């Protein structure tokens, strides 16, 4: 399955990526290779494979969920680039 340069450009636009012509060609080949591999996987006969709805072993031991003290405000803000009124100060998202 081949992907076109126009499709690569559309994907780059959606991802807000600026790609050079060389990168577009490289990604076109890489994405086409990925789609070819997925097409091969879709041809596999999986009828005899049991469904796996749980990924943990049947008797998995999980740790107890015990509350612990969190970070102090000072510790949480220790590496913040900008602080205001004991809170992280970030640039406005909406103007």
PDB file of N, CA and C in Angstrom:
ATOM      1  N   UNK A   1       0.853  -1.165   0.000  1.00  0.00           N
ATOM      2  CA  UNK A   1       0.000   0.000   0.000  1.00  0.00           C
ATOM      3  C   UNK A   1       0.900   1.228   0.000  1.00  0.00           C
ATOM      4  N   UNK A   2       0.665   2.093  -0.939  1.00  0.00           N
ATOM      5  CA  UNK A   2       1.526   3.260  -1.073  1.00  0.00           C
ATOM      6  C   UNK A   2       0.785   4.511  -0.629  1.00  0.00           C
ATOM      7  N   UNK A   3       1.501   5.386   0.021  1.00  0.00           N
ATOM      8  CA  UNK A   3       0.945   6.665   0.470  1.00  0.00           C
ATOM      9  C   UNK A   3       1.522   7.748  -0.428  1.00  0.00           C
ATOM     10  N   UNK A   4       0.708   8.728  -0.778  1.00  0.00           N
ATOM     11  CA  UNK A   4       1.149   9.772  -1.701  1.00  0.00           C
ATOM     12  C   UNK A   4       1.823  10.916  -0.947  1.00  0.00           C
ATOM     13  N   UNK A   5       2.550  11.728  -1.693  1.00  0.00           N
ATOM     14  CA  UNK A   5       3.185  12.912  -1.091  1.00  0.00           C
ATOM     15  C   UNK A   5       2.122  13.869  -0.553  1.00  0.00           C
ATOM     16  N   UNK A   6       0.981  13.943  -1.246  1.00  0.00           N
ATOM     17  CA  UNK A   6      -0.100  14.813  -0.789  1.00  0.00           C
ATOM     18  C   UNK A   6      -0.623  14.338   0.565  1.00  0.00           C
ATOM     19  N   UNK A   7      -0.709  13.030   0.759  1.00  0.00           N
ATOM     20  CA  UNK A   7      -1.155  12.500   2.046  1.00  0.00           C
ATOM     21  C   UNK A   7      -0.130  12.798   3.143  1.00  0.00           C
ATOM     22  N   UNK A   8       1.144  12.692   2.817  1.00  0.00           N
ATOM     23  CA  UNK A   8       2.197  13.034   3.784  1.00  0.00           C
ATOM     24  C   UNK A   8       2.090  14.511   4.159  1.00  0.00           C
ATOM     25  N   UNK A   9       1.870  15.364   3.168  1.00  0.00           N
ATOM     26  CA  UNK A   9       1.731  16.798   3.433  1.00  0.00           C
ATOM     27  C   UNK A   9       0.508  17.076   4.299  1.00  0.00           C
ATOM     28  N   UNK A  10      -0.587  16.338   4.051  1.00  0.00           N
ATOM     29  CA  UNK A  10      -1.801  16.511   4.850  1.00  0.00           C
ATOM     30  C   UNK A  10      -1.549  16.085   6.303  1.00  0.00           C
ATOM     31  N   UNK A  11      -0.883  14.958   6.488  1.00  0.00           N
ATOM     32  CA  UNK A  11      -0.558  14.485   7.832  1.00  0.00           C
ATOM     33  C   UNK A  11       0.350  15.491   8.533  1.00  0.00           C
ATOM     34  N   UNK A  12       1.332  16.020   7.814  1.00  0.00           N
ATOM     35  CA  UNK A  12       2.242  17.010   8.386  1.00  0.00           C
ATOM     36  C   UNK A  12       1.478  18.272   8.781  1.00  0.00           C
ATOM     37  N   UNK A  13       0.519  18.666   7.977  1.00  0.00           N
ATOM     38  CA  UNK A  13      -0.301  19.832   8.289  1.00  0.00           C
ATOM     39  C   UNK A  13      -1.100  19.593   9.567  1.00  0.00           C
ATOM     40  N   UNK A  14      -1.714  18.407   9.682  1.00  0.00           N
ATOM     41  CA  UNK A  14      -2.487  18.079  10.878  1.00  0.00           C
ATOM     42  C   UNK A  14      -1.603  18.052  12.132  1.00  0.00           C
ATOM     43  N   UNK A  15      -0.359  17.577  11.969  1.00  0.00           N
ATOM     44  CA  UNK A  15       0.574  17.502  13.094  1.00  0.00           C
ATOM     45  C   UNK A  15       1.339  18.804  13.287  1.00  0.00           C
ATOM     46  N   UNK A  16       1.067  19.775  12.446  1.00  0.00           N
ATOM     47  CA  UNK A  16       1.732  21.073  12.489  1.00  0.00           C
ATOM     48  C   UNK A  16       3.247  20.933  12.378  1.00  0.00           C
ATOM     49  N   UNK A  17       3.653  20.133  11.382  1.00  0.00           N
ATOM     50  CA  UNK A  17       5.068  19.913  11.112  1.00  0.00           C
ATOM     51  C   UNK A  17       5.449  20.598   9.817  1.00  0.00           C
ATOM     52  N   UNK A  18       6.604  21.224   9.821  1.00  0.00           N
ATOM     53  CA  UNK A  18       7.145  21.774   8.587  1.00  0.00           C
ATOM     54  C   UNK A  18       8.218  20.810   8.108  1.00  0.00           C
ATOM     55  N   UNK A  19       7.970  20.168   6.966  1.00  0.00           N
ATOM     56  CA  UNK A  19       8.899  19.155   6.454  1.00  0.00           C
ATOM     57  C   UNK A  19       9.561  19.641   5.172  1.00  0.00           C
ATOM     58  N   UNK A  20      10.826  19.301   5.038  1.00  0.00           N
ATOM     59  CA  UNK A  20      11.529  19.580   3.787  1.00  0.00           C
ATOM     60  C   UNK A  20      11.083  18.545   2.759  1.00  0.00           C
ATOM     61  N   UNK A  21      11.417  18.789   1.512  1.00  0.00           N
ATOM     62  CA  UNK A  21      11.056  17.833   0.453  1.00  0.00           C
ATOM     63  C   UNK A  21      11.702  16.470   0.701  1.00  0.00           C
ATOM     64  N   UNK A  22      12.933  16.483   1.203  1.00  0.00           N
ATOM     65  CA  UNK A  22      13.635  15.232   1.518  1.00  0.00           C
ATOM     66  C   UNK A  22      12.915  14.463   2.628  1.00  0.00           C
ATOM     67  N   UNK A  23      12.481  15.188   3.654  1.00  0.00           N
ATOM     68  CA  UNK A  23      11.762  14.543   4.760  1.00  0.00           C
ATOM     69  C   UNK A  23      10.418  13.987   4.289  1.00  0.00           C
ATOM     70  N   UNK A  24       9.737  14.729   3.431  1.00  0.00           N
ATOM     71  CA  UNK A  24       8.456  14.246   2.904  1.00  0.00           C
ATOM     72  C   UNK A  24       8.638  12.925   2.160  1.00  0.00           C
ATOM     73  N   UNK A  25       9.664  12.850   1.339  1.00  0.00           N
ATOM     74  CA  UNK A  25       9.927  11.611   0.588  1.00  0.00           C
ATOM     75  C   UNK A  25      10.298  10.469   1.522  1.00  0.00           C
ATOM     76  N   UNK A  26      11.115  10.772   2.536  1.00  0.00           N
ATOM     77  CA  UNK A  26      11.518   9.733   3.485  1.00  0.00           C
ATOM     78  C   UNK A  26      10.312   9.223   4.272  1.00  0.00           C
ATOM     79  N   UNK A  27       9.461  10.160   4.747  1.00  0.00           N
ATOM     80  CA  UNK A  27       8.276   9.756   5.497  1.00  0.00           C
ATOM     81  C   UNK A  27       7.278   9.028   4.609  1.00  0.00           C
ATOM     82  N   UNK A  28       7.205   9.406   3.338  1.00  0.00           N
ATOM     83  CA  UNK A  28       6.326   8.700   2.409  1.00  0.00           C
ATOM     84  C   UNK A  28       6.734   7.225   2.331  1.00  0.00           C
ATOM     85  N   UNK A  29       8.029   6.976   2.219  1.00  0.00           N
ATOM     86  CA  UNK A  29       8.523   5.600   2.141  1.00  0.00           C
ATOM     87  C   UNK A  29       8.293   4.859   3.469  1.00  0.00           C
ATOM     88  N   UNK A  30       8.600   5.521   4.575  1.00  0.00           N
ATOM     89  CA  UNK A  30       8.441   4.874   5.879  1.00  0.00           C
ATOM     90  C   UNK A  30       6.981   4.555   6.180  1.00  0.00           C
ATOM     91  N   UNK A  31       6.088   5.501   5.905  1.00  0.00           N
ATOM     92  CA  UNK A  31       4.666   5.252   6.154  1.00  0.00           C
ATOM     93  C   UNK A  31       4.120   4.168   5.229  1.00  0.00           C
ATOM     94  N   UNK A  32       4.579   4.148   3.991  1.00  0.00           N
ATOM     95  CA  UNK A  32       4.157   3.093   3.063  1.00  0.00           C
ATOM     96  C   UNK A  32       4.628   1.733   3.564  1.00  0.00           C
ATOM     97  N   UNK A  33       5.858   1.663   4.054  1.00  0.00           N
ATOM     98  CA  UNK A  33       6.379   0.404   4.605  1.00  0.00           C
ATOM     99  C   UNK A  33       5.558  -0.066   5.803  1.00  0.00           C
ATOM    100  N   UNK A  34       5.181   0.868   6.659  1.00  0.00           N
ATOM    101  CA  UNK A  34       4.361   0.525   7.832  1.00  0.00           C
ATOM    102  C   UNK A  34       3.011  -0.022   7.384  1.00  0.00           C
ATOM    103  N   UNK A  35       2.372   0.650   6.432  1.00  0.00           N
ATOM    104  CA  UNK A  35       1.069   0.186   5.951  1.00  0.00           C
ATOM    105  C   UNK A  35       1.179  -1.172   5.273  1.00  0.00           C
ATOM    106  N   UNK A  36       2.274  -1.412   4.548  1.00  0.00           N
ATOM    107  CA  UNK A  36       2.489  -2.732   3.935  1.00  0.00           C
ATOM    108  C   UNK A  36       2.612  -3.810   5.004  1.00  0.00           C
ATOM    109  N   UNK A  37       3.324  -3.508   6.079  1.00  0.00           N
ATOM    110  CA  UNK A  37       3.497  -4.479   7.158  1.00  0.00           C
ATOM    111  C   UNK A  37       2.153  -4.777   7.837  1.00  0.00           C
ATOM    112  N   UNK A  38       1.358  -3.745   8.070  1.00  0.00           N
ATOM    113  CA  UNK A  38       0.041  -3.945   8.677  1.00  0.00           C
ATOM    114  C   UNK A  38      -0.839  -4.784   7.760  1.00  0.00           C
ATOM    115  N   UNK A  39      -0.753  -4.560   6.459  1.00  0.00           N
ATOM    116  CA  UNK A  39      -1.535  -5.355   5.506  1.00  0.00           C
ATOM    117  C   UNK A  39      -1.140  -6.830   5.590  1.00  0.00           C
ATOM    118  N   UNK A  40       0.156  -7.102   5.762  1.00  0.00           N
ATOM    119  CA  UNK A  40       0.614  -8.489   5.920  1.00  0.00           C
ATOM    120  C   UNK A  40       0.067  -9.095   7.204  1.00  0.00           C
ATOM    121  N   UNK A  41       0.062  -8.316   8.287  1.00  0.00           N
ATOM    122  CA  UNK A  41      -0.456  -8.807   9.557  1.00  0.00           C
ATOM    123  C   UNK A  41      -1.940  -9.130   9.460  1.00  0.00           C
ATOM    124  N   UNK A  42      -2.686  -8.355   8.682  1.00  0.00           N
ATOM    125  CA  UNK A  42      -4.119  -8.586   8.534  1.00  0.00           C
ATOM    126  C   UNK A  42      -4.410  -9.901   7.803  1.00  0.00           C
ATOM    127  N   UNK A  43      -3.443 -10.429   7.088  1.00  0.00           N
ATOM    128  CA  UNK A  43      -3.634 -11.682   6.358  1.00  0.00           C
ATOM    129  C   UNK A  43      -3.434 -12.906   7.245  1.00  0.00           C
ATOM    130  N   UNK A  44      -2.909 -12.721   8.447  1.00  0.00           N
ATOM    131  CA  UNK A  44      -2.656 -13.847   9.338  1.00  0.00           C
ATOM    132  C   UNK A  44      -3.958 -14.474   9.811  1.00  0.00           C
ATOM    133  N   UNK A  45      -3.968 -15.804   9.912  1.00  0.00           N
ATOM    134  CA  UNK A  45      -5.119 -16.529  10.424  1.00  0.00           C
ATOM    135  C   UNK A  45      -5.019 -16.574  11.947  1.00  0.00           C
ATOM    136  N   UNK A  46      -5.930 -15.896  12.614  1.00  0.00           N
ATOM    137  CA  UNK A  46      -5.907 -15.823  14.076  1.00  0.00           C
ATOM    138  C   UNK A  46      -7.088 -16.568  14.703  1.00  0.00           C
ATOM    139  N   UNK A  47      -7.750 -17.413  13.934  1.00  0.00           N
ATOM    140  CA  UNK A  47      -8.921 -18.144  14.429  1.00  0.00           C
ATOM    141  C   UNK A  47      -8.596 -19.009  15.637  1.00  0.00           C
ATOM    142  N   UNK A  48      -7.431 -19.629  15.678  1.00  0.00           N
ATOM    143  CA  UNK A  48      -7.080 -20.572  16.744  1.00  0.00           C
ATOM    144  C   UNK A  48      -6.426 -19.892  17.951  1.00  0.00           C
ATOM    145  N   UNK A  49      -6.313 -18.574  17.930  1.00  0.00           N
ATOM    146  CA  UNK A  49      -5.678 -17.854  19.027  1.00  0.00           C
ATOM    147  C   UNK A  49      -6.765 -17.373  19.979  1.00  0.00           C
ATOM    148  N   UNK A  50      -6.631 -17.736  21.239  1.00  0.00           N
ATOM    149  CA  UNK A  50      -7.624 -17.342  22.241  1.00  0.00           C
ATOM    150  C   UNK A  50      -7.550 -15.843  22.516  1.00  0.00           C
ATOM    151  N   UNK A  51      -8.713 -15.267  22.792  1.00  0.00           N
ATOM    152  CA  UNK A  51      -8.756 -13.847  23.126  1.00  0.00           C
ATOM    153  C   UNK A  51      -8.102 -13.621  24.482  1.00  0.00           C
ATOM    154  N   UNK A  52      -7.418 -12.528  24.618  1.00  0.00           N
ATOM    155  CA  UNK A  52      -6.755 -12.187  25.881  1.00  0.00           C
ATOM    156  C   UNK A  52      -7.340 -10.877  26.388  1.00  0.00           C
ATOM    157  N   UNK A  53      -8.310 -10.977  27.291  1.00  0.00           N
ATOM    158  CA  UNK A  53      -8.918  -9.754  27.807  1.00  0.00           C
ATOM    159  C   UNK A  53      -8.189  -9.243  29.047  1.00  0.00           C
ATOM    160  N   UNK A  54      -7.355 -10.100  29.650  1.00  0.00           N
ATOM    161  CA  UNK A  54      -6.611  -9.716  30.840  1.00  0.00           C
ATOM    162  C   UNK A  54      -5.126  -9.961  30.572  1.00  0.00           C
ATOM    163  N   UNK A  55      -4.314  -8.953  30.862  1.00  0.00           N
ATOM    164  CA  UNK A  55      -2.887  -9.095  30.596  1.00  0.00           C
ATOM    165  C   UNK A  55      -2.091  -9.547  31.810  1.00  0.00           C
ATOM    166  N   UNK A  56      -2.705  -9.499  32.990  1.00  0.00           N
ATOM    167  CA  UNK A  56      -2.018  -9.927  34.207  1.00  0.00           C
ATOM    168  C   UNK A  56      -2.221 -11.418  34.429  1.00  0.00           C
ATOM    169  N   UNK A  57      -1.257 -12.069  35.050  1.00  0.00           N
ATOM    170  CA  UNK A  57      -1.460 -13.485  35.389  1.00  0.00           C
ATOM    171  C   UNK A  57      -2.671 -13.639  36.308  1.00  0.00           C
ATOM    172  N   UNK A  58      -3.296 -14.818  36.325  1.00  0.00           N
ATOM    173  CA  UNK A  58      -4.517 -14.994  37.105  1.00  0.00           C
ATOM    174  C   UNK A  58      -4.355 -14.677  38.587  1.00  0.00           C
ATOM    175  N   UNK A  59      -3.187 -14.882  39.141  1.00  0.00           N
ATOM    176  CA  UNK A  59      -2.985 -14.643  40.571  1.00  0.00           C
ATOM    177  C   UNK A  59      -1.950 -13.536  40.804  1.00  0.00           C
ATOM    178  N   UNK A  60      -2.075 -12.465  40.059  1.00  0.00           N
ATOM    179  CA  UNK A  60      -1.122 -11.362  40.201  1.00  0.00           C
ATOM    180  C   UNK A  60      -1.305 -10.692  41.558  1.00  0.00           C
ATOM    181  N   UNK A  61      -0.216 -10.450  42.216  1.00  0.00           N
ATOM    182  CA  UNK A  61      -0.268  -9.763  43.506  1.00  0.00           C
ATOM    183  C   UNK A  61      -0.026  -8.282  43.274  1.00  0.00           C
ATOM    184  N   UNK A  62      -0.953  -7.487  43.715  1.00  0.00           N
ATOM    185  CA  UNK A  62      -0.831  -6.046  43.584  1.00  0.00           C
ATOM    186  C   UNK A  62      -0.565  -5.452  44.957  1.00  0.00           C
ATOM    187  N   UNK A  63       0.169  -4.380  45.002  1.00  0.00           N
ATOM    188  CA  UNK A  63       0.461  -3.746  46.287  1.00  0.00           C
ATOM    189  C   UNK A  63      -0.801  -3.098  46.829  1.00  0.00           C
ATOM    190  N   UNK A  64      -0.851  -2.932  48.134  1.00  0.00           N
ATOM    191  CA  UNK A  64      -1.975  -2.254  48.763  1.00  0.00           C
ATOM    192  C   UNK A  64      -1.967  -0.790  48.353  1.00  0.00           C
ATOM    193  N   UNK A  65      -3.134  -0.264  48.161  1.00  0.00           N
ATOM    194  CA  UNK A  65      -3.271   1.144  47.828  1.00  0.00           C
ATOM    195  C   UNK A  65      -3.342   1.939  49.125  1.00  0.00           C
ATOM    196  N   UNK A  66      -2.210   2.486  49.519  1.00  0.00           N
ATOM    197  CA  UNK A  66      -2.134   3.218  50.767  1.00  0.00           C
ATOM    198  C   UNK A  66      -1.798   4.682  50.490  1.00  0.00           C
ATOM    199  N   UNK A  67      -2.552   5.596  51.095  1.00  0.00           N
ATOM    200  CA  UNK A  67      -2.261   7.020  50.868  1.00  0.00           C
ATOM    201  C   UNK A  67      -0.921   7.413  51.485  1.00  0.00           C
ATOM    202  N   UNK A  68      -0.229   8.291  50.797  1.00  0.00           N
ATOM    203  CA  UNK A  68       1.048   8.810  51.286  1.00  0.00           C
ATOM    204  C   UNK A  68       1.030  10.326  51.167  1.00  0.00           C
ATOM    205  N   UNK A  69       1.877  10.946  51.922  1.00  0.00           N
ATOM    206  CA  UNK A  69       1.963  12.407  51.876  1.00  0.00           C
ATOM    207  C   UNK A  69       2.478  12.850  50.512  1.00  0.00           C
ATOM    208  N   UNK A  70       1.898  13.917  50.003  1.00  0.00           N
ATOM    209  CA  UNK A  70       2.331  14.458  48.718  1.00  0.00           C
ATOM    210  C   UNK A  70       3.464  15.453  48.889  1.00  0.00           C
ATOM    211  N   UNK A  71       3.815  16.113  47.808  1.00  0.00           N
ATOM    212  CA  UNK A  71       4.869  17.130  47.853  1.00  0.00           C
ATOM    213  C   UNK A  71       4.358  18.383  48.549  1.00  0.00           C
ATOM    214  N   UNK A  72       5.241  19.047  49.229  1.00  0.00           N
ATOM    215  CA  UNK A  72       4.886  20.353  49.778  1.00  0.00           C
ATOM    216  C   UNK A  72       4.844  21.349  48.620  1.00  0.00           C
ATOM    217  N   UNK A  73       4.179  22.461  48.841  1.00  0.00           N
ATOM    218  CA  UNK A  73       4.089  23.484  47.792  1.00  0.00           C
ATOM    219  C   UNK A  73       5.476  23.952  47.380  1.00  0.00           C
ATOM    220  N   UNK A  74       6.328  24.181  48.354  1.00  0.00           N
ATOM    221  CA  UNK A  74       7.685  24.647  48.061  1.00  0.00           C
ATOM    222  C   UNK A  74       8.469  23.645  47.236  1.00  0.00           C
ATOM    223  N   UNK A  75       8.341  22.375  47.578  1.00  0.00           N
ATOM    224  CA  UNK A  75       9.065  21.315  46.850  1.00  0.00           C
ATOM    225  C   UNK A  75       8.528  21.184  45.423  1.00  0.00           C
ATOM    226  N   UNK A  76       7.206  21.294  45.266  1.00  0.00           N
ATOM    227  CA  UNK A  76       6.604  21.173  43.937  1.00  0.00           C
ATOM    228  C   UNK A  76       7.024  22.330  43.038  1.00  0.00           C
ATOM    229  N   UNK A  77       7.189  23.506  43.609  1.00  0.00           N
ATOM    230  CA  UNK A  77       7.529  24.698  42.826  1.00  0.00           C
ATOM    231  C   UNK A  77       9.032  24.936  42.722  1.00  0.00           C
ATOM    232  N   UNK A  78       9.810  24.041  43.303  1.00  0.00           N
ATOM    233  CA  UNK A  78      11.257  24.213  43.402  1.00  0.00           C
ATOM    234  C   UNK A  78      11.928  24.519  42.063  1.00  0.00           C
ATOM    235  N   UNK A  79      11.552  23.832  40.994  1.00  0.00           N
ATOM    236  CA  UNK A  79      12.202  24.010  39.694  1.00  0.00           C
ATOM    237  C   UNK A  79      11.338  24.783  38.694  1.00  0.00           C
ATOM    238  N   UNK A  80      10.262  25.387  39.165  1.00  0.00           N
ATOM    239  CA  UNK A  80       9.372  26.120  38.269  1.00  0.00           C
ATOM    240  C   UNK A  80      10.084  27.352  37.718  1.00  0.00           C
ATOM    241  N   UNK A  81       9.957  27.617  36.430  1.00  0.00           N
ATOM    242  CA  UNK A  81      10.615  28.791  35.865  1.00  0.00           C
ATOM    243  C   UNK A  81       9.970  30.102  36.315  1.00  0.00           C
ATOM    244  N   UNK A  82       8.661  30.066  36.622  1.00  0.00           N
ATOM    245  CA  UNK A  82       7.987  31.289  37.048  1.00  0.00           C
ATOM    246  C   UNK A  82       6.890  30.929  38.046  1.00  0.00           C
ATOM    247  N   UNK A  83       6.821  31.670  39.137  1.00  0.00           N
ATOM    248  CA  UNK A  83       5.871  31.380  40.221  1.00  0.00           C
ATOM    249  C   UNK A  83       5.131  32.669  40.562  1.00  0.00           C
ATOM    250  N   UNK A  84       3.844  32.527  40.869  1.00  0.00           N
ATOM    251  CA  UNK A  84       3.063  33.667  41.327  1.00  0.00           C
ATOM    252  C   UNK A  84       2.047  33.177  42.354  1.00  0.00           C
ATOM    253  N   UNK A  85       2.041  33.746  43.535  1.00  0.00           N
ATOM    254  CA  UNK A  85       1.103  33.398  44.618  1.00  0.00           C
ATOM    255  C   UNK A  85       1.136  31.899  44.910  1.00  0.00           C
ATOM    256  N   UNK A  86       2.338  31.337  45.065  1.00  0.00           N
ATOM    257  CA  UNK A  86       2.521  29.909  45.352  1.00  0.00           C
ATOM    258  C   UNK A  86       1.874  28.992  44.313  1.00  0.00           C
ATOM    259  N   UNK A  87       1.894  29.423  43.059  1.00  0.00           N
ATOM    260  CA  UNK A  87       1.360  28.609  41.965  1.00  0.00           C
ATOM    261  C   UNK A  87       2.297  28.718  40.763  1.00  0.00           C
ATOM    262  N   UNK A  88       2.223  27.726  39.870  1.00  0.00           N
ATOM    263  CA  UNK A  88       2.969  27.802  38.631  1.00  0.00           C
ATOM    264  C   UNK A  88       2.384  28.946  37.797  1.00  0.00           C
ATOM    265  N   UNK A  89       3.244  29.772  37.248  1.00  0.00           N
ATOM    266  CA  UNK A  89       2.784  30.834  36.359  1.00  0.00           C
ATOM    267  C   UNK A  89       3.158  30.423  34.941  1.00  0.00           C
ATOM    268  N   UNK A  90       2.142  30.362  34.084  1.00  0.00           N
ATOM    269  CA  UNK A  90       2.354  29.943  32.690  1.00  0.00           C
ATOM    270  C   UNK A  90       1.827  31.023  31.766  1.00  0.00           C
ATOM    271  N   UNK A  91       2.312  31.042  30.535  1.00  0.00           N
ATOM    272  CA  UNK A  91       1.807  32.023  29.587  1.00  0.00           C
ATOM    273  C   UNK A  91       0.319  31.761  29.301  1.00  0.00           C
ATOM    274  N   UNK A  92      -0.430  32.795  28.972  1.00  0.00           N
ATOM    275  CA  UNK A  92      -1.847  32.595  28.675  1.00  0.00           C
ATOM    276  C   UNK A  92      -2.046  31.713  27.446  1.00  0.00           C
ATOM    277  N   UNK A  93      -3.058  30.864  27.506  1.00  0.00           N
ATOM    278  CA  UNK A  93      -3.358  29.970  26.387  1.00  0.00           C
ATOM    279  C   UNK A  93      -4.296  30.673  25.412  1.00  0.00           C
ATOM    280  N   UNK A  94      -5.273  31.357  25.950  1.00  0.00           N
ATOM    281  CA  UNK A  94      -6.236  32.104  25.134  1.00  0.00           C
ATOM    282  C   UNK A  94      -6.025  33.594  25.353  1.00  0.00           C
ATOM    283  N   UNK A  95      -6.184  34.336  24.311  1.00  0.00           N
ATOM    284  CA  UNK A  95      -6.028  35.777  24.445  1.00  0.00           C
ATOM    285  C   UNK A  95      -7.319  36.475  24.151  1.00  0.00           C
TER     286      UNK A  95
END
